[in-house]
Protein backbone atom coordinates (compact mmCIF):
# COMPACT_ATOMS: atom_id res chain seq x y z
CA UNK A 1 8.32 -47.14 -11.92
CA UNK A 2 9.92 -43.63 -11.98
CA UNK A 3 8.02 -40.86 -10.56
CA UNK A 4 8.04 -37.70 -12.90
CA UNK A 5 9.46 -34.53 -11.19
CA UNK A 6 7.13 -31.76 -10.63
CA UNK A 7 8.47 -28.26 -11.22
CA UNK A 8 7.57 -25.53 -8.83
CA UNK A 9 7.59 -21.67 -9.13
CA UNK A 10 7.09 -19.00 -6.46
CA UNK A 11 4.79 -16.14 -7.76
CA UNK A 12 4.72 -12.56 -6.50
CA UNK A 13 0.85 -11.95 -6.00
CA UNK A 14 -0.96 -8.79 -5.45
CA UNK A 15 -4.38 -10.11 -6.01
CA UNK A 16 -4.59 -7.72 -9.25
CA UNK A 17 -5.40 -8.94 -12.78
CA UNK A 18 -1.67 -9.10 -13.97
CA UNK A 19 -0.27 -10.91 -11.32
CA UNK A 20 -3.14 -13.47 -11.38
CA UNK A 21 -2.95 -13.83 -15.05
CA UNK A 22 1.06 -14.59 -14.83
CA UNK A 23 0.20 -17.25 -12.35
CA UNK A 24 -2.32 -18.96 -14.66
CA UNK A 25 -0.03 -18.80 -17.43
CA UNK A 26 2.56 -20.90 -15.65
CA UNK A 27 -0.09 -23.28 -14.15
CA UNK A 28 -1.19 -23.75 -17.74
CA UNK A 29 2.28 -25.52 -18.14
CA UNK A 30 1.60 -27.99 -15.57
CA UNK A 31 3.93 -26.13 -13.29
CA UNK A 32 3.10 -25.96 -9.54
CA UNK A 33 2.81 -22.37 -8.08
CA UNK A 34 3.06 -21.11 -4.45
CA UNK A 35 1.88 -17.44 -4.56
CA UNK A 36 3.43 -14.89 -2.09
CA UNK A 37 1.51 -11.90 -0.78
CA UNK A 38 3.24 -9.10 0.86
CA UNK A 39 1.71 -7.14 3.83
CA UNK A 40 3.15 -3.63 4.21
CA UNK A 41 1.38 -0.47 5.70
CA UNK A 42 0.86 0.95 2.06
CA UNK A 43 -0.97 -1.73 0.23
CA UNK A 44 -4.69 -1.93 -0.18
CA UNK A 45 -5.17 -3.41 3.01
CA UNK A 46 -3.13 -4.84 6.04
CA UNK A 47 -4.49 -8.36 5.62
CA UNK A 48 -5.57 -10.74 2.91
CA UNK A 49 -9.30 -9.97 3.65
CA UNK A 50 -8.67 -6.40 2.57
CA UNK A 51 -6.27 -7.07 -0.48
CA UNK A 52 -6.46 -5.57 -3.90
CA UNK A 53 -8.09 -8.57 -5.14
CA UNK A 54 -12.08 -8.99 -4.90
CA UNK A 55 -11.40 -12.42 -3.40
CA UNK A 56 -7.86 -13.66 -3.76
CA UNK A 57 -8.46 -16.86 -1.64
CA UNK A 58 -11.37 -17.96 -3.84
CA UNK A 59 -9.16 -17.15 -6.91
CA UNK A 60 -6.49 -19.32 -5.42
CA UNK A 61 -8.82 -22.13 -4.65
CA UNK A 62 -10.52 -22.13 -8.08
CA UNK A 63 -7.13 -22.33 -10.08
CA UNK A 64 -5.36 -24.61 -7.68
CA UNK A 65 -2.54 -22.30 -6.18
CA UNK A 66 -1.45 -21.95 -2.73
CA UNK A 67 -1.19 -18.31 -1.00
CA UNK A 68 1.51 -17.61 1.60
CA UNK A 69 1.59 -14.28 3.53
CA UNK A 70 4.72 -12.47 4.19
CA UNK A 71 4.83 -9.42 6.64
CA UNK A 72 7.54 -7.01 5.43
CA UNK A 73 6.07 -3.92 6.96
CA UNK A 74 9.00 -2.92 9.38
CA UNK A 75 11.63 -3.49 6.71
CA UNK A 76 9.53 -1.91 3.95
CA UNK A 77 9.18 1.19 6.25
CA UNK A 78 12.92 1.65 6.26
CA UNK A 79 12.98 1.60 2.52
CA UNK A 80 10.17 4.17 2.40
CA UNK A 81 12.50 6.35 4.69
CA UNK A 82 15.62 5.80 2.70
CA UNK A 83 15.32 4.28 -0.72
CA UNK A 84 18.74 3.42 -2.52
CA UNK A 85 17.10 4.10 -5.93
CA UNK A 86 14.99 7.18 -4.98
CA UNK A 87 11.16 7.68 -5.28
CA UNK A 88 8.88 7.96 -8.11
CA UNK A 89 6.24 10.85 -8.34
CA UNK A 90 5.25 10.90 -4.90
CA UNK A 91 6.74 8.81 -2.03
CA UNK A 92 6.83 5.40 -3.77
CA UNK A 93 10.28 3.43 -3.87
CA UNK A 94 9.12 1.32 -6.55
CA UNK A 95 12.59 -0.14 -7.38
CA UNK A 96 13.63 -0.80 -3.94
CA UNK A 97 10.33 -2.19 -3.34
CA UNK A 98 10.51 -4.72 -5.96
CA UNK A 99 14.07 -5.72 -5.00
CA UNK A 100 12.91 -6.40 -1.53
CA UNK A 101 10.04 -8.65 -2.78
CA UNK A 102 12.29 -10.46 -5.26
CA UNK A 103 14.73 -11.01 -2.23
CA UNK A 104 11.96 -12.53 -0.07
CA UNK A 105 10.67 -14.65 -2.99
CA UNK A 106 14.14 -15.94 -3.55
CA UNK A 107 14.28 -17.18 0.04
CA UNK A 108 10.79 -18.88 -0.32
CA UNK A 109 12.23 -20.53 -3.71
CA UNK A 110 14.93 -22.03 -1.74
CA UNK A 111 13.06 -23.13 1.21
CA UNK A 112 10.68 -25.20 -1.04
CA UNK A 113 12.77 -26.38 -3.84
CA UNK A 114 11.28 -24.27 -6.51
CA UNK A 115 12.81 -23.51 -9.82
CA UNK A 116 12.04 -20.06 -10.45
CA UNK A 117 9.95 -16.86 -9.65
CA UNK A 118 7.11 -15.53 -11.38
CA UNK A 119 5.99 -11.80 -11.37
CA UNK A 120 2.88 -10.14 -13.28
CA UNK A 121 5.20 -7.20 -14.52
CA UNK A 122 4.41 -5.91 -17.99
CA UNK A 123 7.17 -4.09 -19.76
CA UNK A 124 6.47 -0.30 -20.18
CA UNK A 125 3.36 -0.44 -17.93
CA UNK A 126 5.15 1.70 -15.11
CA UNK A 127 7.62 4.18 -16.16
CA UNK A 128 9.85 3.97 -13.12
CA UNK A 129 10.25 0.35 -12.52
CA UNK A 130 8.95 -1.79 -15.66
CA UNK A 131 11.73 -0.80 -18.39
CA UNK A 132 14.08 -3.36 -19.54
CA UNK A 133 17.00 -1.55 -18.00
CA UNK A 134 15.46 -1.26 -14.62
CA UNK A 135 14.13 -4.95 -14.62
CA UNK A 136 17.91 -5.83 -15.11
CA UNK A 137 18.88 -3.66 -12.18
CA UNK A 138 16.31 -5.22 -10.04
CA UNK A 139 17.04 -8.74 -10.81
CA UNK A 140 20.87 -7.93 -10.12
CA UNK A 141 20.35 -6.30 -6.80
CA UNK A 142 17.97 -9.15 -5.69
CA UNK A 143 20.41 -11.91 -6.47
CA UNK A 144 17.87 -13.42 -9.08
CA UNK A 145 19.37 -12.92 -12.48
CA UNK A 146 18.06 -15.44 -14.81
CA UNK A 147 15.31 -16.58 -12.28
CA UNK A 148 12.64 -14.27 -12.76
CA UNK A 149 9.96 -15.09 -15.48
CA UNK A 150 7.59 -12.36 -16.52
CA UNK A 151 5.12 -14.30 -18.52
CA UNK A 152 3.07 -11.34 -19.79
CA UNK A 153 6.19 -9.86 -21.53
CA UNK A 154 8.66 -12.80 -21.62
CA UNK A 155 8.84 -12.82 -25.56
CA UNK A 156 10.04 -9.28 -25.44
CA UNK A 157 12.53 -10.19 -22.79
CA UNK A 158 15.89 -12.19 -22.41
CA UNK A 159 15.36 -15.93 -22.23
CA UNK A 160 15.53 -17.00 -18.57
CA UNK A 161 16.90 -20.15 -16.94
CA UNK A 162 13.66 -22.12 -16.64
CA UNK A 163 12.95 -21.53 -20.33
CA UNK A 164 16.33 -22.40 -21.24
CA UNK A 165 16.02 -25.59 -19.18
CA UNK A 166 12.99 -26.60 -20.88
CA UNK A 167 10.86 -26.24 -17.80
CA UNK A 168 8.70 -23.49 -19.32
CA UNK A 169 7.64 -23.35 -23.08
CA UNK A 170 8.57 -19.82 -24.19
CA UNK A 171 6.02 -20.26 -27.13
CA UNK A 172 3.16 -20.26 -24.69
CA UNK A 173 4.17 -17.21 -23.01
CA UNK A 174 3.27 -13.51 -24.18
CA UNK A 175 4.60 -10.17 -25.63
CA UNK A 176 2.42 -7.62 -23.73
CA UNK A 177 3.63 -4.13 -23.28
CA UNK A 178 2.57 -0.56 -22.64
CA UNK A 179 -0.21 0.81 -20.37
CA UNK A 180 -3.23 -0.60 -22.23
CA UNK A 181 -5.31 -3.10 -20.46
CA UNK A 182 -6.95 -4.67 -23.59
CA UNK A 183 -4.50 -7.62 -23.91
CA UNK A 184 -4.93 -8.65 -20.35
CA UNK A 185 -8.79 -8.48 -20.48
CA UNK A 186 -8.69 -10.48 -23.40
CA UNK A 187 -6.35 -13.05 -21.96
CA UNK A 188 -8.52 -13.05 -18.79
CA UNK A 189 -11.59 -13.80 -20.97
CA UNK A 190 -9.53 -16.89 -22.37
CA UNK A 191 -8.75 -17.99 -18.96
CA UNK A 192 -12.24 -17.68 -17.75
CA UNK A 193 -11.20 -15.15 -15.03
CA UNK A 194 -13.99 -12.65 -14.31
CA UNK A 195 -13.49 -11.78 -10.67
CA UNK A 196 -10.57 -9.13 -10.84
CA UNK A 197 -10.30 -5.45 -9.63
CA UNK A 198 -10.40 -2.57 -11.83
CA UNK A 199 -6.88 -1.17 -12.63
CA UNK A 200 -5.50 1.03 -9.87
CA UNK A 201 -2.25 2.07 -8.38
CA UNK A 202 -2.79 -0.22 -5.54
CA UNK A 203 0.02 1.25 -3.39
CA UNK A 204 -1.06 4.35 -1.08
CA UNK A 205 2.59 5.73 -1.57
CA UNK A 206 1.75 6.61 -5.23
CA UNK A 207 -1.44 8.85 -4.02
CA UNK A 208 -0.31 12.46 -3.52
CA UNK A 209 -2.47 13.25 -0.55
CA UNK A 210 -1.46 10.33 1.38
CA UNK A 211 2.32 10.61 0.44
CA UNK A 212 2.10 14.20 1.68
CA UNK A 213 0.61 13.30 4.97
CA UNK A 214 3.29 10.48 5.47
CA UNK A 215 6.07 12.92 4.67
CA UNK A 216 4.63 15.24 7.18
CA UNK A 217 4.46 12.57 9.80
CA UNK A 218 8.02 11.48 9.28
CA UNK A 219 9.35 15.08 9.69
CA UNK A 220 7.79 15.20 13.14
CA UNK A 221 7.98 11.61 14.16
CA UNK A 222 10.58 9.49 12.21
CA UNK A 223 9.82 6.43 14.36
CA UNK A 224 6.07 6.37 13.83
CA UNK A 225 4.37 3.07 14.77
CA UNK A 226 1.49 1.36 13.56
CA UNK A 227 -1.24 3.64 14.72
CA UNK A 228 -0.05 6.73 13.39
CA UNK A 229 0.78 5.12 10.05
CA UNK A 230 -2.82 3.45 9.92
CA UNK A 231 -4.41 6.97 10.93
CA UNK A 232 -2.94 8.48 7.78
CA UNK A 233 -5.61 6.49 5.66
CA UNK A 234 -8.64 8.14 7.25
CA UNK A 235 -10.25 11.49 8.44
CA UNK A 236 -9.06 15.17 8.25
CA UNK A 237 -5.58 15.90 9.82
CA UNK A 238 -4.54 18.81 11.82
CA UNK A 239 -1.20 19.50 13.14
CA UNK A 240 -1.25 21.42 16.24
CA UNK A 241 2.40 21.28 17.11
CA UNK A 242 5.43 19.14 16.48
CA UNK A 243 4.19 16.63 19.13
CA UNK A 244 0.48 16.74 18.78
CA UNK A 245 -2.32 15.94 16.10
CA UNK A 246 -5.93 16.14 15.94
CA UNK A 247 -7.75 13.93 13.43
CA UNK A 248 -11.52 14.44 12.61
CA UNK A 249 -13.71 11.49 11.14
CA UNK A 250 -15.54 12.06 7.96
CA UNK A 251 -18.23 9.30 8.12
CA UNK A 252 -19.39 6.45 10.33
CA UNK A 253 -16.67 4.01 9.19
CA UNK A 254 -13.87 6.43 10.02
CA UNK A 255 -15.39 7.34 13.42
CA UNK A 256 -15.32 3.51 14.20
CA UNK A 257 -11.66 3.06 13.08
CA UNK A 258 -10.50 6.29 14.99
CA UNK A 259 -12.10 4.84 18.14
CA UNK A 260 -10.57 1.39 17.64
CA UNK A 261 -7.06 2.72 16.89
CA UNK A 262 -7.29 5.22 20.07
CA UNK A 263 -5.14 4.50 22.92
CA UNK A 264 -5.40 5.31 26.69
CA UNK A 265 -3.77 8.60 26.67
CA UNK A 266 -5.60 9.86 23.78
CA UNK A 267 -8.81 12.30 23.80
CA UNK A 268 -11.77 11.50 22.03
CA UNK A 269 -14.31 14.38 21.18
CA UNK A 270 -18.02 14.46 19.94
CA UNK A 271 -20.78 16.83 19.70
CA UNK A 272 -23.73 15.67 21.89
CA UNK A 273 -27.09 15.72 20.17
CA UNK A 274 -25.98 16.24 16.60
CA UNK A 275 -24.44 14.24 13.99
CA UNK A 276 -20.85 14.47 14.78
CA UNK A 277 -17.45 13.29 13.76
CA UNK A 278 -15.15 11.46 16.22
CA UNK A 279 -12.14 13.82 16.92
CA UNK A 280 -8.99 12.42 18.20
CA UNK A 281 -6.24 14.31 19.94
CA UNK A 282 -2.97 12.50 20.28
CA UNK A 283 0.40 13.54 21.57
CA UNK A 284 1.45 16.16 23.95
CA UNK A 285 -1.88 17.84 24.78
CA UNK A 286 -2.76 21.28 26.26
CA UNK A 287 -6.05 22.98 27.34
CA UNK A 288 -5.61 25.02 24.13
CA UNK A 289 -5.15 21.91 22.11
CA UNK A 290 -8.52 20.57 23.35
CA UNK A 291 -10.28 23.82 22.77
CA UNK A 292 -9.05 23.97 19.13
CA UNK A 293 -9.91 20.41 18.53
CA UNK A 294 -13.50 20.73 19.92
CA UNK A 295 -14.03 23.77 17.71
CA UNK A 296 -12.89 21.54 14.60
CA UNK A 297 -15.31 18.74 15.93
CA UNK A 298 -18.13 21.26 15.86
CA UNK A 299 -17.20 22.76 12.59
CA UNK A 300 -17.42 19.48 10.73
CA UNK A 301 -20.51 18.31 12.77
CA UNK A 302 -24.30 18.76 12.12
CA UNK A 303 -24.17 21.62 14.75
CA UNK A 304 -21.71 23.93 12.58
CA UNK A 305 -24.42 26.58 12.01
CA UNK A 306 -24.92 27.40 15.96
CA UNK A 307 -22.83 30.20 17.66
CA UNK A 308 -21.86 27.88 20.64
CA UNK A 309 -21.91 24.16 21.04
CA UNK A 310 -21.30 21.81 23.73
CA UNK A 311 -18.52 18.98 23.14
CA UNK A 312 -18.13 15.82 25.16
CA UNK A 313 -14.50 15.04 25.89
CA UNK A 314 -13.42 11.66 26.92
CA UNK A 315 -9.97 10.27 28.09
CA UNK A 316 -10.13 6.84 29.64
CA UNK A 317 -12.57 7.04 32.58
CA UNK A 318 -12.43 10.69 32.75
CA UNK A 319 -15.11 12.72 30.91
CA UNK A 320 -15.98 16.46 30.82
CA UNK A 321 -17.62 19.02 28.64
CA UNK A 322 -16.30 22.17 26.60
CA UNK A 323 -18.47 24.84 25.17
CA UNK A 324 -16.94 26.30 21.94
CA UNK A 325 -17.69 27.92 18.70
CA UNK A 326 -17.25 26.29 15.35
CA UNK A 327 -13.60 26.73 13.99
CA UNK A 328 -13.36 29.45 11.35
CA UNK A 329 -11.53 29.20 8.06
CA UNK A 330 -8.59 30.80 9.70
CA UNK A 331 -8.16 27.95 12.26
CA UNK A 332 -8.47 25.35 9.48
CA UNK A 333 -6.03 27.09 7.34
CA UNK A 334 -3.51 27.37 10.14
CA UNK A 335 -3.55 23.85 11.38
CA UNK A 336 -4.90 21.53 8.57
CA UNK A 337 -2.25 19.18 6.82
CA UNK A 338 -2.79 19.64 3.14
CA UNK A 339 -0.71 18.88 0.14
CA UNK A 340 -0.38 22.84 -0.72
CA UNK A 341 1.57 23.10 2.39
CA UNK A 342 4.99 22.07 1.01
CA UNK A 343 7.25 23.66 3.64
CA UNK A 344 7.05 20.38 5.92
CA UNK A 345 7.89 17.93 3.14
CA UNK A 346 11.40 16.57 2.96
CA UNK A 347 13.40 16.59 -0.29
CA UNK A 348 12.93 13.30 -2.24
CA UNK A 349 15.32 11.85 -4.40
CA UNK A 350 14.66 11.73 -8.18
CA UNK A 351 14.76 8.40 -10.00
CA UNK A 352 17.86 8.94 -11.75
CA UNK A 353 19.91 6.03 -12.23
CA UNK A 354 23.57 5.33 -13.30
CA UNK A 355 23.47 1.74 -14.70
CA UNK A 356 26.49 -0.25 -15.28
């Protein structure tokens, strides 16, 4: 008896609606799918537990596909610093990002003997990276021409190798285009898919305030490590000097995150006896730095109406107190890292491509 060969596909999986639907469309054709989730500093989270999806593991279990995690954080950071194809509106190197992901998926495809790659891209949904001409560039740069199937828009694109070989039935694919989510929502209902997130950018690099903070950080510390990058997601940020930052928590969760990310050489400040943010001072720290940080800590605490307040300062096993007045508006304007301060932002490359 001859055993029938099972065809396989590798799918780029963000946990969002589009990538999930693309996988389901391929599973419907009896093709095995191995989904790949990429971990970077700039996704919805740094682990599968905090991904864009409400619960990607349960989705995979329900529909019968496996998820593989790939950590590309370091390589992606280098792309963010110097993308070959430039940035989008903020600091998002969407084209270079997609090329990296397809290259990684191509490696997985070879290692497991898969036939093709699947993505949830929808033609015209994203102006920078989901145009026909740009999709061609991405596939060419990734070395995957003909092997990337985009099921949601496949009928609007050239026939791919798996379609030409009869592995995939083109008639069972779709012709979605544009930014409307109505076709995807209707298809989700057809598949019985109800647990999916609301549409969102997903990537922090598309958010103006976060992008500004990252630009500012890279100006002063091009070789920023995990802690500095993670801290950008939370708190109020103040630049005291090129080598020193002050970060003030905004709620209990941020206070806990600041404490968990702090290191032995950092200083942590808190107003005693009042609702208070945890304030972190990191870098090259002086007595003046600590006084400014203490005044900021008071300003954002429940003691901000008092003329002078005692602040506890902790550095490792060393603890002492400072009495300071709440920071005034001049201090905040002088030190706060805000998007309106454009002088520190490096020039970004516009997305203008010469396509041959």
